[in-house]
Amino acid sequence: MCDNGLVPKVVDHEGRRAELAVALWRVALRDGFDAVTVRSVAEESAWSAGALRHYFPDKTTMVLFAIDFVVESVRRRIGDANAAAGALTPQLVQDHLEQFLPLDDERRLESEAWFALVTLAHRDPAAAERRTQVDDLIRGAVESAVAALEELGALGAGRTRAAETAGLHALLDGMVLQLLARPPRLSPEQARDMLVRHLAELRASGPGV
């Protein structure tokens, strides 16, 4: 107990952080990720900017929090898809890779958060470190997709996992840029078709196809 005999107030910091996270994503969904600032999130949550800075002292902190949220969302979607699909198939590989493309509003916002991190990484060491970590996660996911094609016997003769992982990763990054362009240079349907064609080329002359 406190000296005045009153029970000290227990502050639910995680609950407050979650409340602010919801406000952050509401701003981003409505106005785009560029609009996410300490001021805009404070206004959305009806908190003072000073109170919000206790949890998110600057935009870098908010971007890093958003990126952690994105990583968990992508992992959950991939895990759910894998659990629902059962057997490994080329379509499952396609679905796995599509989780990294902004093909709907949710994934578009996730990609915008990623590009906010890329921008911050040029001047903030913590953002640069997180960018490397997330980029490594994406590369690992792409390598897993290529390895799955190998397991299916669906990687064409003469193709190596390392080379095809690098090429596929670069293709995904390029498609993200064109999907996020204003106006977009690719539609979601075009991006899906492009990925289908690329995976078909990887499978060309594979013994299992």
N, C-alpha and C. Protein backbone atom coordinates (compact mmCIF):
# COMPACT_ATOMS: atom_id res chain seq x y z
N MET A 1 0.83 -1.20 0.00
CA MET A 1 0.00 0.00 0.00
C MET A 1 0.87 1.25 0.00
N CYS A 2 0.32 2.35 -0.50
CA CYS A 2 1.04 3.61 -0.49
C CYS A 2 1.02 4.19 0.92
N ASP A 3 1.86 5.20 1.17
CA ASP A 3 1.94 5.82 2.48
C ASP A 3 0.62 6.42 2.91
N ASN A 4 -0.23 6.84 1.97
CA ASN A 4 -1.51 7.44 2.32
C ASN A 4 -2.60 6.40 2.57
N GLY A 5 -2.20 5.12 2.54
CA GLY A 5 -3.15 4.06 2.83
C GLY A 5 -3.95 3.60 1.65
N LEU A 6 -3.75 4.20 0.50
CA LEU A 6 -4.50 3.81 -0.69
C LEU A 6 -3.75 2.74 -1.46
N VAL A 7 -4.50 1.85 -2.08
CA VAL A 7 -3.89 0.83 -2.93
C VAL A 7 -3.41 1.49 -4.22
N PRO A 8 -2.15 1.30 -4.61
CA PRO A 8 -1.65 1.94 -5.83
C PRO A 8 -2.41 1.43 -7.05
N LYS A 9 -2.66 2.33 -7.98
CA LYS A 9 -3.39 1.99 -9.19
C LYS A 9 -2.53 1.12 -10.10
N VAL A 10 -3.08 0.01 -10.57
CA VAL A 10 -2.37 -0.87 -11.48
C VAL A 10 -2.68 -0.43 -12.91
N VAL A 11 -1.64 -0.09 -13.64
CA VAL A 11 -1.83 0.37 -15.01
C VAL A 11 -1.63 -0.79 -15.97
N ASP A 12 -2.60 -1.02 -16.80
CA ASP A 12 -2.53 -2.09 -17.80
C ASP A 12 -1.78 -1.56 -19.02
N HIS A 13 -0.44 -1.62 -18.97
CA HIS A 13 0.37 -1.05 -20.05
C HIS A 13 0.15 -1.77 -21.37
N GLU A 14 0.03 -3.10 -21.31
CA GLU A 14 -0.18 -3.85 -22.56
C GLU A 14 -1.53 -3.52 -23.17
N GLY A 15 -2.54 -3.36 -22.31
CA GLY A 15 -3.85 -2.99 -22.81
C GLY A 15 -3.84 -1.62 -23.46
N ARG A 16 -3.14 -0.69 -22.84
CA ARG A 16 -3.05 0.66 -23.42
C ARG A 16 -2.27 0.63 -24.73
N ARG A 17 -1.22 -0.13 -24.77
CA ARG A 17 -0.43 -0.24 -25.99
C ARG A 17 -1.28 -0.84 -27.12
N ALA A 18 -2.08 -1.85 -26.78
CA ALA A 18 -2.96 -2.45 -27.78
C ALA A 18 -4.00 -1.44 -28.27
N GLU A 19 -4.53 -0.64 -27.36
CA GLU A 19 -5.50 0.39 -27.72
C GLU A 19 -4.88 1.39 -28.71
N LEU A 20 -3.64 1.78 -28.44
CA LEU A 20 -2.96 2.73 -29.32
C LEU A 20 -2.62 2.08 -30.66
N ALA A 21 -2.32 0.78 -30.63
CA ALA A 21 -2.04 0.07 -31.88
C ALA A 21 -3.26 0.07 -32.79
N VAL A 22 -4.45 -0.13 -32.20
CA VAL A 22 -5.68 -0.09 -32.99
C VAL A 22 -5.86 1.29 -33.62
N ALA A 23 -5.59 2.35 -32.84
CA ALA A 23 -5.71 3.71 -33.37
C ALA A 23 -4.71 3.93 -34.50
N LEU A 24 -3.49 3.43 -34.33
CA LEU A 24 -2.46 3.57 -35.36
C LEU A 24 -2.93 2.95 -36.68
N TRP A 25 -3.47 1.74 -36.61
CA TRP A 25 -3.91 1.07 -37.83
C TRP A 25 -5.16 1.71 -38.41
N ARG A 26 -6.01 2.31 -37.59
CA ARG A 26 -7.17 3.03 -38.13
C ARG A 26 -6.71 4.22 -38.97
N VAL A 27 -5.72 4.96 -38.45
CA VAL A 27 -5.18 6.09 -39.22
C VAL A 27 -4.59 5.59 -40.53
N ALA A 28 -3.81 4.53 -40.45
CA ALA A 28 -3.14 4.01 -41.65
C ALA A 28 -4.14 3.51 -42.68
N LEU A 29 -5.17 2.81 -42.24
CA LEU A 29 -6.18 2.29 -43.16
C LEU A 29 -6.95 3.42 -43.84
N ARG A 30 -7.24 4.46 -43.09
CA ARG A 30 -8.04 5.56 -43.62
C ARG A 30 -7.21 6.51 -44.50
N ASP A 31 -5.99 6.83 -44.04
CA ASP A 31 -5.23 7.91 -44.68
C ASP A 31 -3.90 7.46 -45.29
N GLY A 32 -3.56 6.18 -45.16
CA GLY A 32 -2.26 5.71 -45.66
C GLY A 32 -1.20 5.77 -44.57
N PHE A 33 -0.17 4.95 -44.72
CA PHE A 33 0.81 4.85 -43.64
C PHE A 33 1.63 6.12 -43.47
N ASP A 34 1.77 6.90 -44.53
CA ASP A 34 2.51 8.16 -44.40
C ASP A 34 1.85 9.10 -43.39
N ALA A 35 0.56 8.92 -43.17
CA ALA A 35 -0.17 9.80 -42.26
C ALA A 35 0.00 9.40 -40.80
N VAL A 36 0.67 8.29 -40.54
CA VAL A 36 0.87 7.83 -39.16
C VAL A 36 1.96 8.67 -38.50
N THR A 37 1.56 9.48 -37.54
CA THR A 37 2.49 10.29 -36.75
C THR A 37 2.03 10.25 -35.30
N VAL A 38 2.88 10.72 -34.40
CA VAL A 38 2.48 10.80 -33.00
C VAL A 38 1.22 11.65 -32.87
N ARG A 39 1.16 12.77 -33.58
CA ARG A 39 0.01 13.66 -33.49
C ARG A 39 -1.27 12.99 -34.01
N SER A 40 -1.18 12.36 -35.20
CA SER A 40 -2.39 11.78 -35.79
C SER A 40 -2.93 10.62 -34.96
N VAL A 41 -2.03 9.79 -34.43
CA VAL A 41 -2.47 8.67 -33.61
C VAL A 41 -3.03 9.17 -32.28
N ALA A 42 -2.44 10.23 -31.72
CA ALA A 42 -2.96 10.81 -30.49
C ALA A 42 -4.39 11.32 -30.71
N GLU A 43 -4.61 12.01 -31.84
CA GLU A 43 -5.95 12.52 -32.13
C GLU A 43 -6.94 11.37 -32.33
N GLU A 44 -6.51 10.32 -33.01
CA GLU A 44 -7.40 9.18 -33.28
C GLU A 44 -7.79 8.46 -31.99
N SER A 45 -6.87 8.38 -31.06
CA SER A 45 -7.10 7.63 -29.82
C SER A 45 -7.67 8.50 -28.72
N ALA A 46 -7.77 9.82 -28.98
CA ALA A 46 -8.24 10.78 -27.98
C ALA A 46 -7.29 10.84 -26.78
N TRP A 47 -6.03 10.52 -27.01
CA TRP A 47 -4.99 10.68 -26.01
C TRP A 47 -4.26 11.99 -26.28
N SER A 48 -3.57 12.49 -25.27
CA SER A 48 -2.68 13.62 -25.50
C SER A 48 -1.40 13.09 -26.15
N ALA A 49 -0.74 13.93 -26.93
CA ALA A 49 0.52 13.52 -27.55
C ALA A 49 1.55 13.14 -26.49
N GLY A 50 1.53 13.85 -25.37
CA GLY A 50 2.48 13.54 -24.29
C GLY A 50 2.26 12.16 -23.71
N ALA A 51 0.99 11.79 -23.50
CA ALA A 51 0.68 10.46 -22.96
C ALA A 51 1.05 9.38 -23.96
N LEU A 52 0.80 9.62 -25.24
CA LEU A 52 1.11 8.62 -26.26
C LEU A 52 2.62 8.39 -26.36
N ARG A 53 3.39 9.46 -26.19
CA ARG A 53 4.85 9.33 -26.31
C ARG A 53 5.45 8.44 -25.23
N HIS A 54 4.69 8.19 -24.15
CA HIS A 54 5.17 7.24 -23.14
C HIS A 54 5.31 5.85 -23.74
N TYR A 55 4.44 5.53 -24.72
CA TYR A 55 4.45 4.21 -25.36
C TYR A 55 5.15 4.24 -26.72
N PHE A 56 4.92 5.30 -27.47
CA PHE A 56 5.54 5.46 -28.79
C PHE A 56 6.19 6.84 -28.85
N PRO A 57 7.43 6.97 -28.42
CA PRO A 57 8.05 8.30 -28.33
C PRO A 57 8.25 9.01 -29.66
N ASP A 58 8.28 8.26 -30.76
CA ASP A 58 8.48 8.90 -32.07
C ASP A 58 7.94 7.97 -33.15
N LYS A 59 7.98 8.45 -34.40
CA LYS A 59 7.44 7.66 -35.50
C LYS A 59 8.24 6.37 -35.70
N THR A 60 9.55 6.42 -35.47
CA THR A 60 10.35 5.20 -35.63
C THR A 60 9.82 4.08 -34.74
N THR A 61 9.52 4.41 -33.48
CA THR A 61 8.99 3.42 -32.55
C THR A 61 7.66 2.85 -33.06
N MET A 62 6.82 3.72 -33.61
CA MET A 62 5.53 3.26 -34.13
C MET A 62 5.72 2.37 -35.35
N VAL A 63 6.66 2.74 -36.22
CA VAL A 63 6.91 1.92 -37.41
C VAL A 63 7.44 0.55 -37.00
N LEU A 64 8.36 0.50 -36.04
CA LEU A 64 8.89 -0.79 -35.59
C LEU A 64 7.79 -1.64 -34.98
N PHE A 65 6.91 -1.01 -34.21
CA PHE A 65 5.77 -1.74 -33.65
C PHE A 65 4.88 -2.28 -34.77
N ALA A 66 4.60 -1.43 -35.77
CA ALA A 66 3.76 -1.86 -36.89
C ALA A 66 4.39 -3.02 -37.65
N ILE A 67 5.70 -2.97 -37.84
CA ILE A 67 6.40 -4.04 -38.55
C ILE A 67 6.29 -5.35 -37.78
N ASP A 68 6.44 -5.30 -36.46
CA ASP A 68 6.27 -6.52 -35.66
C ASP A 68 4.86 -7.09 -35.85
N PHE A 69 3.88 -6.21 -35.90
CA PHE A 69 2.50 -6.62 -36.13
C PHE A 69 2.36 -7.28 -37.50
N VAL A 70 2.99 -6.69 -38.51
CA VAL A 70 2.94 -7.22 -39.87
C VAL A 70 3.55 -8.61 -39.93
N VAL A 71 4.72 -8.77 -39.33
CA VAL A 71 5.40 -10.07 -39.35
C VAL A 71 4.52 -11.14 -38.75
N GLU A 72 3.89 -10.84 -37.61
CA GLU A 72 3.03 -11.82 -36.98
C GLU A 72 1.79 -12.11 -37.82
N SER A 73 1.25 -11.09 -38.48
CA SER A 73 0.08 -11.29 -39.33
C SER A 73 0.40 -12.21 -40.49
N VAL A 74 1.55 -11.97 -41.14
CA VAL A 74 1.95 -12.81 -42.27
C VAL A 74 2.20 -14.24 -41.82
N ARG A 75 2.89 -14.40 -40.70
CA ARG A 75 3.15 -15.74 -40.18
C ARG A 75 1.84 -16.47 -39.88
N ARG A 76 0.88 -15.76 -39.31
CA ARG A 76 -0.40 -16.38 -38.98
C ARG A 76 -1.14 -16.79 -40.24
N ARG A 77 -1.15 -15.93 -41.26
CA ARG A 77 -1.85 -16.27 -42.50
C ARG A 77 -1.21 -17.48 -43.18
N ILE A 78 0.13 -17.49 -43.22
CA ILE A 78 0.82 -18.63 -43.84
C ILE A 78 0.56 -19.90 -43.05
N GLY A 79 0.61 -19.80 -41.72
CA GLY A 79 0.34 -20.98 -40.90
C GLY A 79 -1.07 -21.50 -41.08
N ASP A 80 -2.05 -20.59 -41.14
CA ASP A 80 -3.43 -20.99 -41.34
C ASP A 80 -3.61 -21.66 -42.71
N ALA A 81 -2.97 -21.07 -43.73
CA ALA A 81 -3.09 -21.62 -45.08
C ALA A 81 -2.47 -23.01 -45.15
N ASN A 82 -1.32 -23.18 -44.54
CA ASN A 82 -0.66 -24.48 -44.54
C ASN A 82 -1.49 -25.54 -43.82
N ALA A 83 -2.08 -25.13 -42.69
CA ALA A 83 -2.88 -26.08 -41.91
C ALA A 83 -4.13 -26.49 -42.69
N ALA A 84 -4.71 -25.53 -43.41
CA ALA A 84 -5.93 -25.83 -44.16
C ALA A 84 -5.64 -26.67 -45.41
N ALA A 85 -4.48 -26.45 -46.01
CA ALA A 85 -4.18 -27.09 -47.29
C ALA A 85 -3.80 -28.57 -47.14
N GLY A 86 -3.08 -28.88 -46.08
CA GLY A 86 -2.64 -30.27 -45.93
C GLY A 86 -1.45 -30.57 -46.82
N ALA A 87 -1.68 -31.30 -47.91
CA ALA A 87 -0.59 -31.75 -48.77
C ALA A 87 0.07 -30.58 -49.49
N LEU A 88 1.38 -30.70 -49.68
CA LEU A 88 2.16 -29.69 -50.40
C LEU A 88 1.82 -29.78 -51.90
N THR A 89 1.48 -28.62 -52.47
CA THR A 89 1.15 -28.55 -53.89
C THR A 89 1.74 -27.27 -54.47
N PRO A 90 1.88 -27.18 -55.81
CA PRO A 90 2.31 -25.92 -56.41
C PRO A 90 1.40 -24.74 -56.05
N GLN A 91 0.10 -24.99 -55.93
CA GLN A 91 -0.82 -23.91 -55.56
C GLN A 91 -0.53 -23.39 -54.16
N LEU A 92 -0.15 -24.29 -53.26
CA LEU A 92 0.20 -23.87 -51.91
C LEU A 92 1.43 -22.98 -51.94
N VAL A 93 2.40 -23.29 -52.80
CA VAL A 93 3.58 -22.45 -52.96
C VAL A 93 3.17 -21.06 -53.46
N GLN A 94 2.27 -21.02 -54.45
CA GLN A 94 1.75 -19.75 -54.97
C GLN A 94 1.09 -18.95 -53.85
N ASP A 95 0.22 -19.60 -53.08
CA ASP A 95 -0.49 -18.92 -52.01
C ASP A 95 0.50 -18.39 -50.96
N HIS A 96 1.52 -19.17 -50.67
CA HIS A 96 2.55 -18.79 -49.71
C HIS A 96 3.22 -17.48 -50.14
N LEU A 97 3.60 -17.39 -51.39
CA LEU A 97 4.31 -16.21 -51.89
C LEU A 97 3.39 -15.00 -52.02
N GLU A 98 2.12 -15.23 -52.30
CA GLU A 98 1.18 -14.12 -52.43
C GLU A 98 0.98 -13.36 -51.12
N GLN A 99 1.32 -13.99 -49.99
CA GLN A 99 1.18 -13.30 -48.71
C GLN A 99 2.10 -12.09 -48.60
N PHE A 100 3.13 -12.02 -49.45
CA PHE A 100 4.08 -10.91 -49.40
C PHE A 100 3.76 -9.82 -50.42
N LEU A 101 2.66 -9.96 -51.14
CA LEU A 101 2.27 -8.98 -52.16
C LEU A 101 1.04 -8.20 -51.70
N PRO A 102 0.99 -6.90 -51.96
CA PRO A 102 -0.17 -6.08 -51.55
C PRO A 102 -1.36 -6.26 -52.49
N LEU A 103 -2.02 -7.41 -52.35
CA LEU A 103 -3.12 -7.77 -53.25
C LEU A 103 -4.49 -7.41 -52.69
N ASP A 104 -4.54 -6.93 -51.45
CA ASP A 104 -5.79 -6.46 -50.85
C ASP A 104 -5.43 -5.34 -49.88
N ASP A 105 -6.43 -4.76 -49.25
CA ASP A 105 -6.19 -3.59 -48.39
C ASP A 105 -5.27 -3.93 -47.23
N GLU A 106 -5.46 -5.10 -46.62
CA GLU A 106 -4.63 -5.48 -45.48
C GLU A 106 -3.17 -5.60 -45.89
N ARG A 107 -2.92 -6.33 -46.97
CA ARG A 107 -1.53 -6.54 -47.39
C ARG A 107 -0.92 -5.26 -47.98
N ARG A 108 -1.76 -4.40 -48.56
CA ARG A 108 -1.25 -3.12 -49.05
C ARG A 108 -0.71 -2.28 -47.88
N LEU A 109 -1.47 -2.25 -46.80
CA LEU A 109 -1.04 -1.49 -45.63
C LEU A 109 0.24 -2.09 -45.04
N GLU A 110 0.32 -3.40 -45.03
CA GLU A 110 1.54 -4.05 -44.53
C GLU A 110 2.75 -3.67 -45.38
N SER A 111 2.57 -3.62 -46.70
CA SER A 111 3.66 -3.24 -47.58
C SER A 111 4.05 -1.77 -47.39
N GLU A 112 3.05 -0.91 -47.14
CA GLU A 112 3.36 0.50 -46.87
C GLU A 112 4.17 0.64 -45.58
N ALA A 113 3.85 -0.18 -44.58
CA ALA A 113 4.63 -0.17 -43.34
C ALA A 113 6.06 -0.60 -43.61
N TRP A 114 6.23 -1.59 -44.48
CA TRP A 114 7.56 -2.06 -44.84
C TRP A 114 8.37 -0.95 -45.52
N PHE A 115 7.74 -0.21 -46.42
CA PHE A 115 8.46 0.87 -47.10
C PHE A 115 8.74 2.03 -46.16
N ALA A 116 7.89 2.26 -45.17
CA ALA A 116 8.20 3.26 -44.15
C ALA A 116 9.45 2.85 -43.39
N LEU A 117 9.57 1.56 -43.11
CA LEU A 117 10.76 1.06 -42.43
C LEU A 117 12.00 1.23 -43.31
N VAL A 118 11.88 0.94 -44.61
CA VAL A 118 13.00 1.09 -45.53
C VAL A 118 13.49 2.53 -45.53
N THR A 119 12.56 3.48 -45.55
CA THR A 119 12.92 4.89 -45.55
C THR A 119 13.63 5.27 -44.26
N LEU A 120 13.09 4.85 -43.12
CA LEU A 120 13.69 5.17 -41.83
C LEU A 120 15.07 4.53 -41.67
N ALA A 121 15.26 3.38 -42.31
CA ALA A 121 16.52 2.64 -42.15
C ALA A 121 17.72 3.43 -42.65
N HIS A 122 17.50 4.40 -43.52
CA HIS A 122 18.60 5.20 -44.05
C HIS A 122 19.20 6.13 -43.00
N ARG A 123 18.43 6.42 -41.93
CA ARG A 123 18.93 7.37 -40.95
C ARG A 123 18.80 6.91 -39.50
N ASP A 124 18.21 5.75 -39.28
CA ASP A 124 18.02 5.28 -37.91
C ASP A 124 18.60 3.88 -37.75
N PRO A 125 19.57 3.68 -36.85
CA PRO A 125 20.22 2.36 -36.71
C PRO A 125 19.25 1.27 -36.30
N ALA A 126 18.30 1.58 -35.41
CA ALA A 126 17.34 0.54 -34.98
C ALA A 126 16.47 0.11 -36.15
N ALA A 127 16.05 1.07 -36.98
CA ALA A 127 15.24 0.74 -38.15
C ALA A 127 16.06 -0.06 -39.15
N ALA A 128 17.34 0.30 -39.31
CA ALA A 128 18.21 -0.42 -40.25
C ALA A 128 18.38 -1.87 -39.81
N GLU A 129 18.54 -2.08 -38.51
CA GLU A 129 18.69 -3.45 -38.01
C GLU A 129 17.41 -4.25 -38.23
N ARG A 130 16.26 -3.63 -37.96
CA ARG A 130 15.00 -4.33 -38.14
C ARG A 130 14.75 -4.61 -39.62
N ARG A 131 15.14 -3.68 -40.48
CA ARG A 131 14.96 -3.92 -41.92
C ARG A 131 15.74 -5.15 -42.34
N THR A 132 16.97 -5.28 -41.87
CA THR A 132 17.79 -6.45 -42.22
C THR A 132 17.11 -7.72 -41.73
N GLN A 133 16.59 -7.69 -40.50
CA GLN A 133 15.93 -8.87 -39.95
C GLN A 133 14.72 -9.28 -40.78
N VAL A 134 13.89 -8.29 -41.14
CA VAL A 134 12.67 -8.60 -41.90
C VAL A 134 13.03 -9.06 -43.31
N ASP A 135 14.02 -8.41 -43.92
CA ASP A 135 14.44 -8.82 -45.25
C ASP A 135 14.95 -10.26 -45.24
N ASP A 136 15.67 -10.62 -44.18
CA ASP A 136 16.14 -12.00 -44.04
C ASP A 136 14.97 -12.97 -43.89
N LEU A 137 13.92 -12.54 -43.17
CA LEU A 137 12.74 -13.39 -43.02
C LEU A 137 12.06 -13.62 -44.37
N ILE A 138 11.95 -12.55 -45.16
CA ILE A 138 11.33 -12.68 -46.48
C ILE A 138 12.16 -13.59 -47.36
N ARG A 139 13.50 -13.37 -47.36
CA ARG A 139 14.37 -14.23 -48.16
C ARG A 139 14.22 -15.69 -47.74
N GLY A 140 14.13 -15.93 -46.43
CA GLY A 140 13.95 -17.29 -45.95
C GLY A 140 12.65 -17.90 -46.41
N ALA A 141 11.58 -17.09 -46.43
CA ALA A 141 10.29 -17.59 -46.90
C ALA A 141 10.33 -17.92 -48.38
N VAL A 142 11.02 -17.09 -49.16
CA VAL A 142 11.15 -17.35 -50.59
C VAL A 142 11.98 -18.62 -50.82
N GLU A 143 13.04 -18.77 -50.05
CA GLU A 143 13.86 -19.97 -50.18
C GLU A 143 13.05 -21.22 -49.83
N SER A 144 12.16 -21.10 -48.83
CA SER A 144 11.31 -22.23 -48.47
C SER A 144 10.38 -22.60 -49.63
N ALA A 145 9.89 -21.58 -50.34
CA ALA A 145 9.02 -21.84 -51.49
C ALA A 145 9.78 -22.56 -52.59
N VAL A 146 11.00 -22.13 -52.87
CA VAL A 146 11.81 -22.78 -53.90
C VAL A 146 12.15 -24.21 -53.46
N ALA A 147 12.45 -24.38 -52.17
CA ALA A 147 12.76 -25.72 -51.66
C ALA A 147 11.54 -26.63 -51.79
N ALA A 148 10.33 -26.05 -51.60
CA ALA A 148 9.11 -26.84 -51.75
C ALA A 148 8.95 -27.32 -53.19
N LEU A 149 9.30 -26.47 -54.16
CA LEU A 149 9.25 -26.89 -55.55
C LEU A 149 10.23 -28.05 -55.80
N GLU A 150 11.40 -27.95 -55.18
CA GLU A 150 12.36 -29.06 -55.30
C GLU A 150 11.77 -30.34 -54.72
N GLU A 151 11.14 -30.21 -53.56
CA GLU A 151 10.56 -31.39 -52.90
C GLU A 151 9.48 -32.03 -53.77
N LEU A 152 8.75 -31.17 -54.50
CA LEU A 152 7.71 -31.68 -55.39
C LEU A 152 8.28 -32.24 -56.69
N GLY A 153 9.60 -32.13 -56.84
CA GLY A 153 10.21 -32.52 -58.11
C GLY A 153 9.83 -31.56 -59.22
N ALA A 154 9.57 -30.31 -58.83
CA ALA A 154 9.04 -29.35 -59.78
C ALA A 154 9.96 -28.16 -59.99
N LEU A 155 11.25 -28.36 -59.80
CA LEU A 155 12.21 -27.32 -60.12
C LEU A 155 12.97 -27.77 -61.34
N GLY A 156 12.90 -26.96 -62.38
CA GLY A 156 13.46 -27.36 -63.67
C GLY A 156 14.93 -27.74 -63.61
N ALA A 157 15.33 -28.59 -64.53
CA ALA A 157 16.72 -29.04 -64.60
C ALA A 157 17.66 -27.86 -64.80
N GLY A 158 18.79 -27.91 -64.10
CA GLY A 158 19.79 -26.86 -64.24
C GLY A 158 19.54 -25.65 -63.38
N ARG A 159 18.44 -25.62 -62.63
CA ARG A 159 18.13 -24.48 -61.78
C ARG A 159 18.62 -24.77 -60.36
N THR A 160 19.25 -23.80 -59.73
CA THR A 160 19.76 -23.97 -58.38
C THR A 160 18.88 -23.20 -57.40
N ARG A 161 18.81 -23.72 -56.18
CA ARG A 161 17.97 -23.08 -55.17
C ARG A 161 18.43 -21.66 -54.89
N ALA A 162 19.74 -21.44 -54.77
CA ALA A 162 20.25 -20.11 -54.43
C ALA A 162 19.90 -19.09 -55.52
N ALA A 163 20.14 -19.45 -56.76
CA ALA A 163 19.90 -18.51 -57.86
C ALA A 163 18.41 -18.21 -58.01
N GLU A 164 17.58 -19.23 -57.91
CA GLU A 164 16.15 -19.02 -58.09
C GLU A 164 15.54 -18.28 -56.90
N THR A 165 16.09 -18.48 -55.71
CA THR A 165 15.63 -17.72 -54.54
C THR A 165 15.92 -16.24 -54.74
N ALA A 166 17.13 -15.92 -55.18
CA ALA A 166 17.50 -14.51 -55.39
C ALA A 166 16.62 -13.88 -56.46
N GLY A 167 16.39 -14.60 -57.55
CA GLY A 167 15.57 -14.05 -58.63
C GLY A 167 14.12 -13.85 -58.23
N LEU A 168 13.57 -14.82 -57.51
CA LEU A 168 12.18 -14.74 -57.10
C LEU A 168 11.98 -13.64 -56.06
N HIS A 169 12.95 -13.49 -55.16
CA HIS A 169 12.89 -12.42 -54.16
C HIS A 169 12.88 -11.06 -54.85
N ALA A 170 13.76 -10.89 -55.84
CA ALA A 170 13.82 -9.63 -56.59
C ALA A 170 12.50 -9.37 -57.34
N LEU A 171 11.92 -10.42 -57.90
CA LEU A 171 10.65 -10.28 -58.61
C LEU A 171 9.55 -9.81 -57.66
N LEU A 172 9.48 -10.40 -56.50
CA LEU A 172 8.46 -10.00 -55.52
C LEU A 172 8.63 -8.55 -55.11
N ASP A 173 9.89 -8.14 -54.84
CA ASP A 173 10.14 -6.75 -54.46
C ASP A 173 9.69 -5.80 -55.56
N GLY A 174 10.00 -6.14 -56.81
CA GLY A 174 9.59 -5.29 -57.92
C GLY A 174 8.08 -5.21 -58.07
N MET A 175 7.40 -6.32 -57.88
CA MET A 175 5.94 -6.32 -57.98
C MET A 175 5.32 -5.48 -56.86
N VAL A 176 5.90 -5.55 -55.67
CA VAL A 176 5.39 -4.73 -54.56
C VAL A 176 5.47 -3.24 -54.94
N LEU A 177 6.60 -2.83 -55.48
CA LEU A 177 6.77 -1.43 -55.88
C LEU A 177 5.71 -1.02 -56.90
N GLN A 178 5.49 -1.85 -57.89
CA GLN A 178 4.54 -1.49 -58.95
C GLN A 178 3.09 -1.57 -58.47
N LEU A 179 2.81 -2.45 -57.54
CA LEU A 179 1.46 -2.52 -56.97
C LEU A 179 1.15 -1.31 -56.08
N LEU A 180 2.19 -0.76 -55.43
CA LEU A 180 2.00 0.37 -54.53
C LEU A 180 2.08 1.71 -55.24
N ALA A 181 2.55 1.72 -56.49
CA ALA A 181 2.69 2.97 -57.23
C ALA A 181 1.33 3.66 -57.35
N ARG A 182 1.36 4.98 -57.47
CA ARG A 182 0.13 5.75 -57.60
C ARG A 182 0.19 6.55 -58.90
N PRO A 183 -0.57 6.16 -59.92
CA PRO A 183 -1.45 4.99 -59.97
C PRO A 183 -0.65 3.69 -60.07
N PRO A 184 -1.22 2.56 -59.68
CA PRO A 184 -0.50 1.28 -59.73
C PRO A 184 -0.07 0.95 -61.15
N ARG A 185 1.13 0.37 -61.28
CA ARG A 185 1.59 -0.10 -62.58
C ARG A 185 1.17 -1.54 -62.83
N LEU A 186 0.73 -2.22 -61.78
CA LEU A 186 0.21 -3.59 -61.88
C LEU A 186 -1.10 -3.66 -61.12
N SER A 187 -2.03 -4.43 -61.62
CA SER A 187 -3.23 -4.75 -60.85
C SER A 187 -2.96 -6.03 -60.06
N PRO A 188 -3.75 -6.32 -59.03
CA PRO A 188 -3.58 -7.59 -58.32
C PRO A 188 -3.68 -8.79 -59.24
N GLU A 189 -4.60 -8.73 -60.21
CA GLU A 189 -4.75 -9.85 -61.14
C GLU A 189 -3.50 -10.03 -61.99
N GLN A 190 -2.93 -8.93 -62.47
CA GLN A 190 -1.70 -9.01 -63.26
C GLN A 190 -0.55 -9.56 -62.44
N ALA A 191 -0.47 -9.14 -61.18
CA ALA A 191 0.61 -9.62 -60.31
C ALA A 191 0.48 -11.13 -60.08
N ARG A 192 -0.74 -11.58 -59.83
CA ARG A 192 -0.95 -13.03 -59.65
C ARG A 192 -0.55 -13.79 -60.91
N ASP A 193 -0.97 -13.29 -62.06
CA ASP A 193 -0.64 -13.95 -63.32
C ASP A 193 0.87 -13.99 -63.54
N MET A 194 1.55 -12.89 -63.20
CA MET A 194 2.99 -12.84 -63.37
C MET A 194 3.68 -13.87 -62.49
N LEU A 195 3.19 -14.01 -61.26
CA LEU A 195 3.77 -14.99 -60.35
C LEU A 195 3.49 -16.41 -60.84
N VAL A 196 2.27 -16.64 -61.34
CA VAL A 196 1.93 -17.95 -61.90
C VAL A 196 2.89 -18.29 -63.04
N ARG A 197 3.12 -17.35 -63.93
CA ARG A 197 4.00 -17.61 -65.08
C ARG A 197 5.43 -17.87 -64.63
N HIS A 198 5.90 -17.10 -63.64
CA HIS A 198 7.27 -17.29 -63.18
C HIS A 198 7.44 -18.67 -62.54
N LEU A 199 6.49 -19.08 -61.72
CA LEU A 199 6.59 -20.39 -61.09
C LEU A 199 6.49 -21.50 -62.13
N ALA A 200 5.70 -21.27 -63.17
CA ALA A 200 5.62 -22.25 -64.26
C ALA A 200 6.95 -22.37 -64.97
N GLU A 201 7.64 -21.25 -65.15
CA GLU A 201 8.96 -21.28 -65.78
C GLU A 201 9.97 -22.02 -64.90
N LEU A 202 9.86 -21.82 -63.56
CA LEU A 202 10.75 -22.55 -62.67
C LEU A 202 10.52 -24.06 -62.76
N ARG A 203 9.25 -24.43 -62.98
CA ARG A 203 8.92 -25.85 -63.04
C ARG A 203 9.22 -26.47 -64.42
N ALA A 204 9.50 -25.63 -65.39
CA ALA A 204 9.71 -26.14 -66.75
C ALA A 204 10.80 -27.20 -66.78
N SER A 205 10.48 -28.33 -67.38
CA SER A 205 11.35 -29.50 -67.51
C SER A 205 11.59 -30.22 -66.20
N GLY A 206 10.90 -29.79 -65.12
CA GLY A 206 11.01 -30.53 -63.87
C GLY A 206 10.38 -31.90 -64.02
N PRO A 207 10.94 -32.95 -63.43
CA PRO A 207 10.44 -34.29 -63.64
C PRO A 207 9.07 -34.54 -63.03
N GLY A 208 8.67 -33.70 -62.05
CA GLY A 208 7.39 -33.98 -61.39
C GLY A 208 6.22 -33.25 -61.99
N VAL A 209 6.41 -32.51 -63.10
CA VAL A 209 5.34 -31.70 -63.65
C VAL A 209 4.93 -32.22 -65.01
